[in-house]
C-alpha atoms as a PDB file:
ATOM      1  CA  MET A   1      37.737  74.680 -19.177  1.00  0.00           C
ATOM      2  CA  THR A   2      37.341  75.337 -22.608  1.00  0.00           C
ATOM      3  CA  THR A   3      33.708  73.894 -23.950  1.00  0.00           C
ATOM      4  CA  GLU A   4      35.230  72.188 -26.222  1.00  0.00           C
ATOM      5  CA  PRO A   5      39.363  70.739 -27.463  1.00  0.00           C
ATOM      6  CA  VAL A   6      41.249  72.928 -28.953  1.00  0.00           C
ATOM      7  CA  ARG A   7      42.979  71.984 -32.131  1.00  0.00           C
ATOM      8  CA  THR A   8      46.782  73.085 -32.508  1.00  0.00           C
ATOM      9  CA  ARG A   9      48.856  71.483 -34.276  1.00  0.00           C
ATOM     10  CA  PHE A  10      49.948  69.589 -31.157  1.00  0.00           C
ATOM     11  CA  GLY A  11      46.759  68.019 -31.214  1.00  0.00           C
ATOM     12  CA  TYR A  12      43.429  68.584 -29.378  1.00  0.00           C
ATOM     13  CA  HIS A  13      44.053  70.649 -25.836  1.00  0.00           C
ATOM     14  CA  LEU A  14      41.447  71.595 -22.940  1.00  0.00           C
ATOM     15  CA  ILE A  15      42.486  74.608 -21.899  1.00  0.00           C
ATOM     16  CA  ARG A  16      41.934  75.855 -18.338  1.00  0.00           C
ATOM     17  CA  LEU A  17      41.838  79.091 -16.851  1.00  0.00           C
ATOM     18  CA  LEU A  18      44.466  78.976 -12.938  1.00  0.00           C
ATOM     19  CA  GLU A  19      44.716  82.723 -12.498  1.00  0.00           C
ATOM     20  CA  ARG A  20      44.683  86.511 -14.225  1.00  0.00           C
ATOM     21  CA  ARG A  21      47.312  88.731 -13.496  1.00  0.00           C
ATOM     22  CA  GLN A  22      47.111  92.422 -15.244  1.00  0.00           C
ATOM     23  CA  GLY A  23      49.345  93.037 -17.953  1.00  0.00           C
ATOM     24  CA  THR A  24      50.587  95.863 -19.005  1.00  0.00           C
ATOM     25  CA  PRO A  25      49.472  97.877 -22.905  1.00  0.00           C
ATOM     26  CA  MET A  26      51.990  97.958 -25.037  1.00  0.00           C
ATOM     27  CA  ASP A  27      52.332 100.367 -27.576  1.00  0.00           C
ATOM     28  CA  ALA A  28      51.825  99.928 -31.788  1.00  0.00           C
ATOM     29  CA  ALA A  29      55.547  99.727 -32.789  1.00  0.00           C
ATOM     30  CA  GLU A  30      56.675  97.387 -29.696  1.00  0.00           C
ATOM     31  CA  ALA A  31      54.050  95.154 -30.316  1.00  0.00           C
ATOM     32  CA  ARG A  32      54.844  95.225 -33.817  1.00  0.00           C
ATOM     33  CA  GLU A  33      58.169  94.300 -32.643  1.00  0.00           C
ATOM     34  CA  GLN A  34      57.044  91.073 -31.168  1.00  0.00           C
ATOM     35  CA  LEU A  35      54.706  89.899 -33.670  1.00  0.00           C
ATOM     36  CA  LEU A  36      57.402  90.150 -35.901  1.00  0.00           C
ATOM     37  CA  GLN A  37      60.252  88.083 -33.784  1.00  0.00           C
ATOM     38  CA  GLU A  38      57.210  85.836 -33.558  1.00  0.00           C
ATOM     39  CA  ARG A  39      57.014  85.207 -37.301  1.00  0.00           C
ATOM     40  CA  LYS A  40      61.014  84.739 -38.184  1.00  0.00           C
ATOM     41  CA  GLN A  41      60.788  82.165 -35.726  1.00  0.00           C
ATOM     42  CA  GLU A  42      58.060  80.404 -36.778  1.00  0.00           C
ATOM     43  CA  ALA A  43      59.433  80.534 -40.704  1.00  0.00           C
ATOM     44  CA  VAL A  44      63.513  79.074 -39.075  1.00  0.00           C
ATOM     45  CA  GLN A  45      61.486  76.412 -37.382  1.00  0.00           C
ATOM     46  CA  HIS A  46      59.721  75.464 -40.564  1.00  0.00           C
ATOM     47  CA  LEU A  47      63.018  75.482 -42.320  1.00  0.00           C
ATOM     48  CA  LEU A  48      63.749  73.542 -40.159  1.00  0.00           C
ATOM     49  CA  GLU A  49      60.966  70.499 -40.202  1.00  0.00           C
ATOM     50  CA  GLU A  50      61.260  70.961 -43.930  1.00  0.00           C
ATOM     51  CA  LEU A  51      65.169  70.142 -44.155  1.00  0.00           C
ATOM     52  CA  LEU A  52      64.922  67.558 -41.450  1.00  0.00           C
ATOM     53  CA  ALA A  53      62.441  65.958 -43.196  1.00  0.00           C
ATOM     54  CA  LYS A  54      64.603  65.515 -46.396  1.00  0.00           C
ATOM     55  CA  ALA A  55      68.254  64.523 -44.293  1.00  0.00           C
ATOM     56  CA  THR A  56      69.593  61.228 -45.294  1.00  0.00           C
ATOM     57  CA  VAL A  57      71.667  60.131 -41.991  1.00  0.00           C
ATOM     58  CA  ARG A  58      74.744  57.776 -42.864  1.00  0.00           C
ATOM     59  CA  ILE A  59      76.392  56.038 -40.192  1.00  0.00           C
ATOM     60  CA  ASN A  60      80.231  55.506 -40.274  1.00  0.00           C
ATOM     61  CA  PRO A  61      80.750  52.182 -37.891  1.00  0.00           C
ATOM     62  CA  ALA A  62      84.508  52.819 -38.207  1.00  0.00           C
ATOM     63  CA  LEU A  63      83.997  55.880 -35.993  1.00  0.00           C
ATOM     64  CA  VAL A  64      81.120  55.088 -33.584  1.00  0.00           C
ATOM     65  CA  GLN A  65      83.413  51.608 -32.841  1.00  0.00           C
ATOM     66  CA  ALA A  66      86.590  54.307 -32.464  1.00  0.00           C
ATOM     67  CA  GLN A  67      84.329  56.306 -30.437  1.00  0.00           C
ATOM     68  CA  LEU A  68      84.948  59.438 -31.895  1.00  0.00           C
END
């Protein structure tokens, strides 16, 4: 278990290692591609969060009553 809580964007966490697995090493090109994909996903997530924060939701009662 970690000696101190770890802070992430989701709050504070205690981490406990349950097992270790032997991994296979990546070559530089493969690691770079994986990092690029992760960065792209993070950028999309950040953009969605910004758009949701700015969004205005309006409910049309006539459509809600018609159950469309």
